[in-house]
N, C-alpha and C. Protein backbone atom coordinates (compact mmCIF):
# COMPACT_ATOMS: atom_id res chain seq x y z
N MET A 1 17.03 25.18 23.92
CA MET A 1 16.52 23.97 23.33
C MET A 1 17.49 23.50 22.25
N VAL A 2 17.85 22.26 22.32
CA VAL A 2 18.79 21.69 21.38
C VAL A 2 18.01 21.00 20.25
N THR A 3 18.35 21.37 19.04
CA THR A 3 17.71 20.71 17.91
C THR A 3 18.72 19.79 17.24
N ARG A 4 18.23 18.67 16.86
CA ARG A 4 19.10 17.70 16.18
C ARG A 4 18.80 17.76 14.70
N HIS A 5 19.83 17.89 13.96
CA HIS A 5 19.68 17.89 12.51
C HIS A 5 19.94 16.50 12.00
N ARG A 6 19.08 16.11 11.13
CA ARG A 6 19.25 14.80 10.52
C ARG A 6 20.42 14.85 9.56
N ALA A 7 21.31 13.92 9.70
CA ALA A 7 22.48 13.90 8.83
C ALA A 7 22.07 13.57 7.40
N GLU A 8 22.50 14.39 6.49
CA GLU A 8 22.20 14.17 5.07
C GLU A 8 23.09 13.03 4.56
N SER A 9 22.50 12.15 3.80
CA SER A 9 23.27 11.07 3.22
C SER A 9 24.27 11.66 2.24
N PRO A 10 25.49 11.14 2.25
CA PRO A 10 26.45 11.65 1.29
C PRO A 10 26.03 11.30 -0.13
N ALA A 11 26.32 12.19 -1.03
CA ALA A 11 25.95 11.97 -2.43
C ALA A 11 26.73 10.79 -3.00
N LEU A 12 26.09 10.09 -3.90
CA LEU A 12 26.76 8.98 -4.57
C LEU A 12 27.85 9.50 -5.48
N ALA A 13 28.91 8.75 -5.61
CA ALA A 13 29.93 9.07 -6.60
C ALA A 13 29.32 8.90 -7.98
N ASP A 14 29.90 9.57 -8.96
CA ASP A 14 29.34 9.54 -10.31
C ASP A 14 29.19 8.12 -10.85
N GLY A 15 30.14 7.26 -10.57
CA GLY A 15 30.06 5.88 -11.07
C GLY A 15 28.86 5.13 -10.52
N TRP A 16 28.61 5.25 -9.23
CA TRP A 16 27.47 4.57 -8.62
C TRP A 16 26.15 5.17 -9.08
N ARG A 17 26.15 6.48 -9.25
CA ARG A 17 24.96 7.14 -9.77
C ARG A 17 24.65 6.66 -11.18
N ASN A 18 25.69 6.50 -11.98
CA ASN A 18 25.50 6.00 -13.34
C ASN A 18 24.98 4.56 -13.35
N VAL A 19 25.43 3.77 -12.39
CA VAL A 19 24.92 2.40 -12.29
C VAL A 19 23.42 2.42 -12.01
N LEU A 20 22.98 3.29 -11.11
CA LEU A 20 21.55 3.41 -10.85
C LEU A 20 20.78 3.89 -12.07
N LEU A 21 21.33 4.85 -12.78
CA LEU A 21 20.67 5.35 -13.98
C LEU A 21 20.51 4.25 -15.03
N VAL A 22 21.57 3.51 -15.27
CA VAL A 22 21.51 2.43 -16.26
C VAL A 22 20.55 1.34 -15.79
N THR A 23 20.56 1.05 -14.50
CA THR A 23 19.66 0.04 -13.95
C THR A 23 18.21 0.41 -14.22
N TRP A 24 17.84 1.65 -13.93
CA TRP A 24 16.43 2.03 -14.07
C TRP A 24 16.02 2.23 -15.52
N VAL A 25 16.95 2.56 -16.39
CA VAL A 25 16.63 2.58 -17.82
C VAL A 25 16.36 1.15 -18.29
N ALA A 26 17.17 0.21 -17.81
CA ALA A 26 16.96 -1.20 -18.15
C ALA A 26 15.65 -1.73 -17.56
N VAL A 27 15.31 -1.30 -16.36
CA VAL A 27 14.03 -1.70 -15.75
C VAL A 27 12.87 -1.18 -16.58
N PHE A 28 12.98 0.06 -17.06
CA PHE A 28 11.93 0.60 -17.92
C PHE A 28 11.78 -0.26 -19.18
N ALA A 29 12.91 -0.61 -19.78
CA ALA A 29 12.86 -1.46 -20.98
C ALA A 29 12.28 -2.83 -20.66
N GLY A 30 12.64 -3.39 -19.50
CA GLY A 30 12.11 -4.68 -19.10
C GLY A 30 10.61 -4.65 -18.86
N LEU A 31 10.13 -3.62 -18.18
CA LEU A 31 8.70 -3.50 -17.93
C LEU A 31 7.93 -3.25 -19.22
N LEU A 32 8.53 -2.51 -20.12
CA LEU A 32 7.91 -2.29 -21.42
C LEU A 32 7.80 -3.61 -22.18
N ALA A 33 8.84 -4.43 -22.11
CA ALA A 33 8.81 -5.74 -22.76
C ALA A 33 7.75 -6.64 -22.13
N VAL A 34 7.63 -6.61 -20.81
CA VAL A 34 6.60 -7.41 -20.12
C VAL A 34 5.21 -6.93 -20.54
N ALA A 35 5.02 -5.61 -20.60
CA ALA A 35 3.71 -5.07 -20.96
C ALA A 35 3.32 -5.45 -22.39
N VAL A 36 4.25 -5.29 -23.32
CA VAL A 36 3.94 -5.60 -24.72
C VAL A 36 3.71 -7.09 -24.91
N SER A 37 4.58 -7.91 -24.34
CA SER A 37 4.42 -9.36 -24.53
C SER A 37 3.19 -9.89 -23.82
N SER A 38 2.86 -9.34 -22.66
CA SER A 38 1.66 -9.82 -21.95
C SER A 38 0.40 -9.45 -22.72
N ARG A 39 0.38 -8.27 -23.31
CA ARG A 39 -0.77 -7.88 -24.12
C ARG A 39 -0.83 -8.74 -25.38
N THR A 40 0.32 -9.07 -25.97
CA THR A 40 0.37 -9.88 -27.19
C THR A 40 -0.19 -11.28 -26.96
N ILE A 41 0.12 -11.85 -25.80
CA ILE A 41 -0.39 -13.21 -25.53
C ILE A 41 -1.82 -13.20 -24.98
N GLY A 42 -2.38 -12.02 -24.81
CA GLY A 42 -3.76 -11.93 -24.35
C GLY A 42 -3.94 -11.99 -22.85
N ARG A 43 -2.87 -11.80 -22.10
CA ARG A 43 -2.91 -11.81 -20.63
C ARG A 43 -2.22 -10.56 -20.11
N PRO A 44 -2.79 -9.37 -20.37
CA PRO A 44 -2.09 -8.13 -20.03
C PRO A 44 -1.94 -7.91 -18.53
N VAL A 45 -0.88 -7.19 -18.17
CA VAL A 45 -0.66 -6.84 -16.77
C VAL A 45 -1.83 -6.01 -16.27
N TRP A 46 -2.07 -6.02 -14.97
CA TRP A 46 -3.25 -5.39 -14.40
C TRP A 46 -3.31 -3.90 -14.71
N TRP A 47 -2.16 -3.24 -14.76
CA TRP A 47 -2.17 -1.79 -14.96
C TRP A 47 -2.33 -1.38 -16.42
N LEU A 48 -2.30 -2.35 -17.33
CA LEU A 48 -2.48 -2.07 -18.74
C LEU A 48 -3.89 -2.38 -19.20
N GLY A 49 -4.41 -3.50 -18.76
CA GLY A 49 -5.76 -3.90 -19.14
C GLY A 49 -5.80 -4.45 -20.57
N PRO A 50 -6.87 -5.15 -20.90
CA PRO A 50 -6.99 -5.70 -22.26
C PRO A 50 -7.18 -4.59 -23.30
N GLY A 51 -6.90 -4.93 -24.55
CA GLY A 51 -7.03 -3.95 -25.62
C GLY A 51 -8.44 -3.44 -25.78
N SER A 52 -9.42 -4.30 -25.52
CA SER A 52 -10.82 -3.89 -25.68
C SER A 52 -11.32 -3.00 -24.54
N ASP A 53 -10.68 -3.11 -23.37
CA ASP A 53 -11.09 -2.31 -22.20
C ASP A 53 -9.83 -1.89 -21.44
N PRO A 54 -9.08 -0.91 -21.96
CA PRO A 54 -7.83 -0.52 -21.31
C PRO A 54 -8.04 0.03 -19.90
N ALA A 55 -7.02 -0.15 -19.09
CA ALA A 55 -7.07 0.36 -17.71
C ALA A 55 -7.02 1.89 -17.74
N PRO A 56 -7.54 2.53 -16.69
CA PRO A 56 -7.45 3.99 -16.61
C PRO A 56 -5.98 4.45 -16.61
N VAL A 57 -5.76 5.64 -17.07
CA VAL A 57 -4.41 6.20 -17.16
C VAL A 57 -3.75 6.25 -15.79
N VAL A 58 -4.53 6.41 -14.75
CA VAL A 58 -3.97 6.45 -13.39
C VAL A 58 -3.25 5.14 -13.07
N PHE A 59 -3.80 4.01 -13.53
CA PHE A 59 -3.16 2.73 -13.27
C PHE A 59 -1.85 2.61 -14.04
N VAL A 60 -1.82 3.11 -15.26
CA VAL A 60 -0.59 3.06 -16.07
C VAL A 60 0.47 3.96 -15.45
N ALA A 61 0.04 5.01 -14.78
CA ALA A 61 1.00 5.94 -14.16
C ALA A 61 1.75 5.31 -12.99
N VAL A 62 1.20 4.26 -12.38
CA VAL A 62 1.86 3.64 -11.22
C VAL A 62 3.23 3.09 -11.58
N PRO A 63 3.36 2.14 -12.52
CA PRO A 63 4.70 1.63 -12.82
C PRO A 63 5.60 2.68 -13.48
N VAL A 64 5.01 3.59 -14.26
CA VAL A 64 5.82 4.63 -14.88
C VAL A 64 6.44 5.52 -13.81
N ALA A 65 5.66 5.90 -12.81
CA ALA A 65 6.18 6.72 -11.72
C ALA A 65 7.23 5.96 -10.91
N LEU A 66 7.00 4.66 -10.71
CA LEU A 66 7.96 3.86 -9.94
C LEU A 66 9.28 3.68 -10.67
N VAL A 67 9.31 3.91 -11.95
CA VAL A 67 10.56 3.85 -12.71
C VAL A 67 11.20 5.23 -12.80
N PHE A 68 10.40 6.26 -13.02
CA PHE A 68 10.97 7.59 -13.22
C PHE A 68 11.37 8.28 -11.92
N LEU A 69 10.80 7.90 -10.79
CA LEU A 69 11.22 8.49 -9.51
C LEU A 69 12.69 8.18 -9.20
N PRO A 70 13.14 6.93 -9.31
CA PRO A 70 14.57 6.68 -9.06
C PRO A 70 15.49 7.34 -10.08
N LEU A 71 15.03 7.42 -11.33
CA LEU A 71 15.82 8.12 -12.34
C LEU A 71 15.99 9.59 -11.97
N ALA A 72 14.89 10.22 -11.58
CA ALA A 72 14.95 11.63 -11.19
C ALA A 72 15.80 11.81 -9.93
N ALA A 73 15.66 10.90 -8.99
CA ALA A 73 16.45 11.00 -7.76
C ALA A 73 17.94 10.84 -8.04
N ALA A 74 18.29 9.93 -8.92
CA ALA A 74 19.71 9.74 -9.25
C ALA A 74 20.29 10.97 -9.93
N MET A 75 19.47 11.64 -10.72
CA MET A 75 19.97 12.83 -11.42
C MET A 75 19.96 14.08 -10.54
N ARG A 76 18.93 14.25 -9.71
CA ARG A 76 18.77 15.51 -8.98
C ARG A 76 19.08 15.41 -7.49
N LEU A 77 18.87 14.25 -6.87
CA LEU A 77 19.09 14.09 -5.43
C LEU A 77 19.98 12.88 -5.15
N PRO A 78 21.25 12.94 -5.51
CA PRO A 78 22.10 11.75 -5.35
C PRO A 78 22.21 11.25 -3.91
N GLY A 79 21.99 12.13 -2.94
CA GLY A 79 22.05 11.70 -1.55
C GLY A 79 20.87 10.82 -1.14
N ARG A 80 19.78 10.92 -1.86
CA ARG A 80 18.57 10.15 -1.57
C ARG A 80 18.31 9.07 -2.61
N ALA A 81 19.13 8.98 -3.62
CA ALA A 81 18.87 8.09 -4.76
C ALA A 81 18.75 6.63 -4.35
N VAL A 82 19.60 6.17 -3.45
CA VAL A 82 19.56 4.76 -3.06
C VAL A 82 18.27 4.46 -2.29
N SER A 83 17.86 5.35 -1.41
CA SER A 83 16.62 5.14 -0.65
C SER A 83 15.41 5.11 -1.58
N VAL A 84 15.36 6.04 -2.51
CA VAL A 84 14.24 6.09 -3.46
C VAL A 84 14.25 4.84 -4.33
N SER A 85 15.42 4.44 -4.78
CA SER A 85 15.54 3.25 -5.62
C SER A 85 15.11 2.00 -4.87
N LEU A 86 15.49 1.90 -3.63
CA LEU A 86 15.10 0.75 -2.81
C LEU A 86 13.59 0.71 -2.61
N ALA A 87 12.99 1.84 -2.29
CA ALA A 87 11.54 1.89 -2.08
C ALA A 87 10.79 1.57 -3.37
N CYS A 88 11.24 2.10 -4.48
CA CYS A 88 10.56 1.85 -5.76
C CYS A 88 10.74 0.40 -6.22
N SER A 89 11.87 -0.20 -5.92
CA SER A 89 12.08 -1.61 -6.25
C SER A 89 11.09 -2.50 -5.50
N VAL A 90 10.93 -2.23 -4.22
CA VAL A 90 9.99 -3.01 -3.40
C VAL A 90 8.55 -2.76 -3.87
N ALA A 91 8.23 -1.51 -4.20
CA ALA A 91 6.88 -1.21 -4.70
C ALA A 91 6.62 -1.91 -6.04
N LEU A 92 7.63 -1.99 -6.89
CA LEU A 92 7.46 -2.71 -8.16
C LEU A 92 7.27 -4.21 -7.91
N LEU A 93 7.98 -4.74 -6.93
CA LEU A 93 7.74 -6.14 -6.57
C LEU A 93 6.30 -6.34 -6.15
N ALA A 94 5.79 -5.42 -5.35
CA ALA A 94 4.40 -5.52 -4.89
C ALA A 94 3.41 -5.33 -6.05
N SER A 95 3.81 -4.60 -7.07
CA SER A 95 2.89 -4.37 -8.19
C SER A 95 2.63 -5.63 -9.01
N GLY A 96 3.43 -6.66 -8.82
CA GLY A 96 3.18 -7.92 -9.50
C GLY A 96 2.16 -8.80 -8.80
N ILE A 97 1.82 -8.47 -7.57
CA ILE A 97 0.89 -9.30 -6.80
C ILE A 97 -0.48 -9.43 -7.44
N PRO A 98 -1.09 -8.36 -7.97
CA PRO A 98 -2.42 -8.53 -8.58
C PRO A 98 -2.43 -9.49 -9.77
N ASP A 99 -1.31 -9.67 -10.42
CA ASP A 99 -1.25 -10.59 -11.56
C ASP A 99 -1.01 -12.04 -11.15
N ALA A 100 -0.68 -12.28 -9.89
CA ALA A 100 -0.29 -13.62 -9.46
C ALA A 100 -1.44 -14.62 -9.49
N GLY A 101 -2.67 -14.15 -9.38
CA GLY A 101 -3.81 -15.06 -9.33
C GLY A 101 -4.06 -15.79 -10.64
N ASP A 102 -4.31 -15.05 -11.70
CA ASP A 102 -4.68 -15.70 -12.96
C ASP A 102 -3.66 -15.47 -14.07
N ARG A 103 -2.62 -14.70 -13.81
CA ARG A 103 -1.57 -14.45 -14.80
C ARG A 103 -0.21 -14.63 -14.14
N LEU A 104 0.05 -15.83 -13.66
CA LEU A 104 1.27 -16.08 -12.89
C LEU A 104 2.53 -15.82 -13.70
N ALA A 105 2.54 -16.18 -14.98
CA ALA A 105 3.73 -15.96 -15.80
C ALA A 105 4.03 -14.47 -15.93
N VAL A 106 3.00 -13.67 -16.06
CA VAL A 106 3.19 -12.22 -16.15
C VAL A 106 3.71 -11.68 -14.81
N ALA A 107 3.17 -12.19 -13.72
CA ALA A 107 3.64 -11.78 -12.40
C ALA A 107 5.11 -12.16 -12.21
N LEU A 108 5.48 -13.36 -12.64
CA LEU A 108 6.88 -13.79 -12.52
C LEU A 108 7.81 -12.90 -13.33
N ALA A 109 7.37 -12.50 -14.51
CA ALA A 109 8.18 -11.61 -15.33
C ALA A 109 8.34 -10.25 -14.65
N THR A 110 7.27 -9.74 -14.08
CA THR A 110 7.33 -8.46 -13.36
C THR A 110 8.25 -8.57 -12.15
N TRP A 111 8.13 -9.67 -11.42
CA TRP A 111 8.97 -9.88 -10.25
C TRP A 111 10.44 -10.04 -10.63
N THR A 112 10.70 -10.64 -11.78
CA THR A 112 12.09 -10.80 -12.23
C THR A 112 12.72 -9.44 -12.52
N VAL A 113 11.99 -8.60 -13.23
CA VAL A 113 12.51 -7.27 -13.56
C VAL A 113 12.70 -6.44 -12.29
N SER A 114 11.70 -6.43 -11.42
CA SER A 114 11.81 -5.63 -10.21
C SER A 114 12.80 -6.22 -9.21
N GLY A 115 12.94 -7.54 -9.20
CA GLY A 115 13.96 -8.17 -8.36
C GLY A 115 15.36 -7.80 -8.81
N ALA A 116 15.56 -7.70 -10.11
CA ALA A 116 16.86 -7.27 -10.63
C ALA A 116 17.16 -5.83 -10.21
N ALA A 117 16.13 -4.99 -10.22
CA ALA A 117 16.31 -3.61 -9.76
C ALA A 117 16.67 -3.58 -8.27
N LEU A 118 16.02 -4.42 -7.49
CA LEU A 118 16.31 -4.48 -6.06
C LEU A 118 17.74 -4.95 -5.82
N LEU A 119 18.15 -5.99 -6.53
CA LEU A 119 19.52 -6.49 -6.35
C LEU A 119 20.56 -5.46 -6.79
N ALA A 120 20.31 -4.76 -7.87
CA ALA A 120 21.23 -3.72 -8.32
C ALA A 120 21.30 -2.58 -7.31
N THR A 121 20.17 -2.24 -6.72
CA THR A 121 20.15 -1.19 -5.71
C THR A 121 20.94 -1.59 -4.48
N VAL A 122 20.77 -2.82 -4.05
CA VAL A 122 21.54 -3.32 -2.90
C VAL A 122 23.03 -3.33 -3.23
N ALA A 123 23.38 -3.72 -4.45
CA ALA A 123 24.78 -3.71 -4.86
C ALA A 123 25.36 -2.30 -4.84
N VAL A 124 24.58 -1.33 -5.32
CA VAL A 124 25.04 0.06 -5.28
C VAL A 124 25.19 0.53 -3.84
N MET A 125 24.25 0.16 -2.99
CA MET A 125 24.30 0.56 -1.59
C MET A 125 25.55 0.00 -0.92
N VAL A 126 25.82 -1.26 -1.12
CA VAL A 126 26.99 -1.89 -0.51
C VAL A 126 28.27 -1.35 -1.13
N GLY A 127 28.29 -1.24 -2.46
CA GLY A 127 29.48 -0.75 -3.14
C GLY A 127 29.81 0.68 -2.78
N ALA A 128 28.80 1.52 -2.66
CA ALA A 128 29.03 2.92 -2.33
C ALA A 128 29.58 3.06 -0.91
N ARG A 129 29.16 2.20 -0.03
CA ARG A 129 29.70 2.25 1.35
C ARG A 129 31.10 1.68 1.43
N GLN A 130 31.35 0.65 0.64
CA GLN A 130 32.64 -0.02 0.66
C GLN A 130 33.74 0.83 0.00
N TYR A 131 33.41 1.44 -1.12
CA TYR A 131 34.42 2.12 -1.92
C TYR A 131 34.17 3.62 -1.99
N ARG A 132 34.22 4.28 -0.86
CA ARG A 132 34.05 5.74 -0.81
C ARG A 132 35.32 6.43 -1.15
């Protein structure tokens, strides 16, 4: 019986890995800015909830996990970092959907931050393939 082994993605070069690390640190800062400013204007993001009735910790863990997973992947699994970053970028884009109904400005801010993460991930993916 012949078994096929799945080819492991080659690890990112240090420069590309650093680009992903800086990107996701900036995404964390951007999401933190969106969360603080949305709460300040009285229209908090869905996962934060209003000050009088905060969202459960499980909801807050969603965007935090979506930011720290790509950071961890870039540091520990460079061969999978781009895939994880791509999936988390798309998931962050989707996390803005609940805010689109009555907090469109907050949703747009979330989409801007996560869209930047997606574009940076695509740039790393293309750059890493082009300049090996």
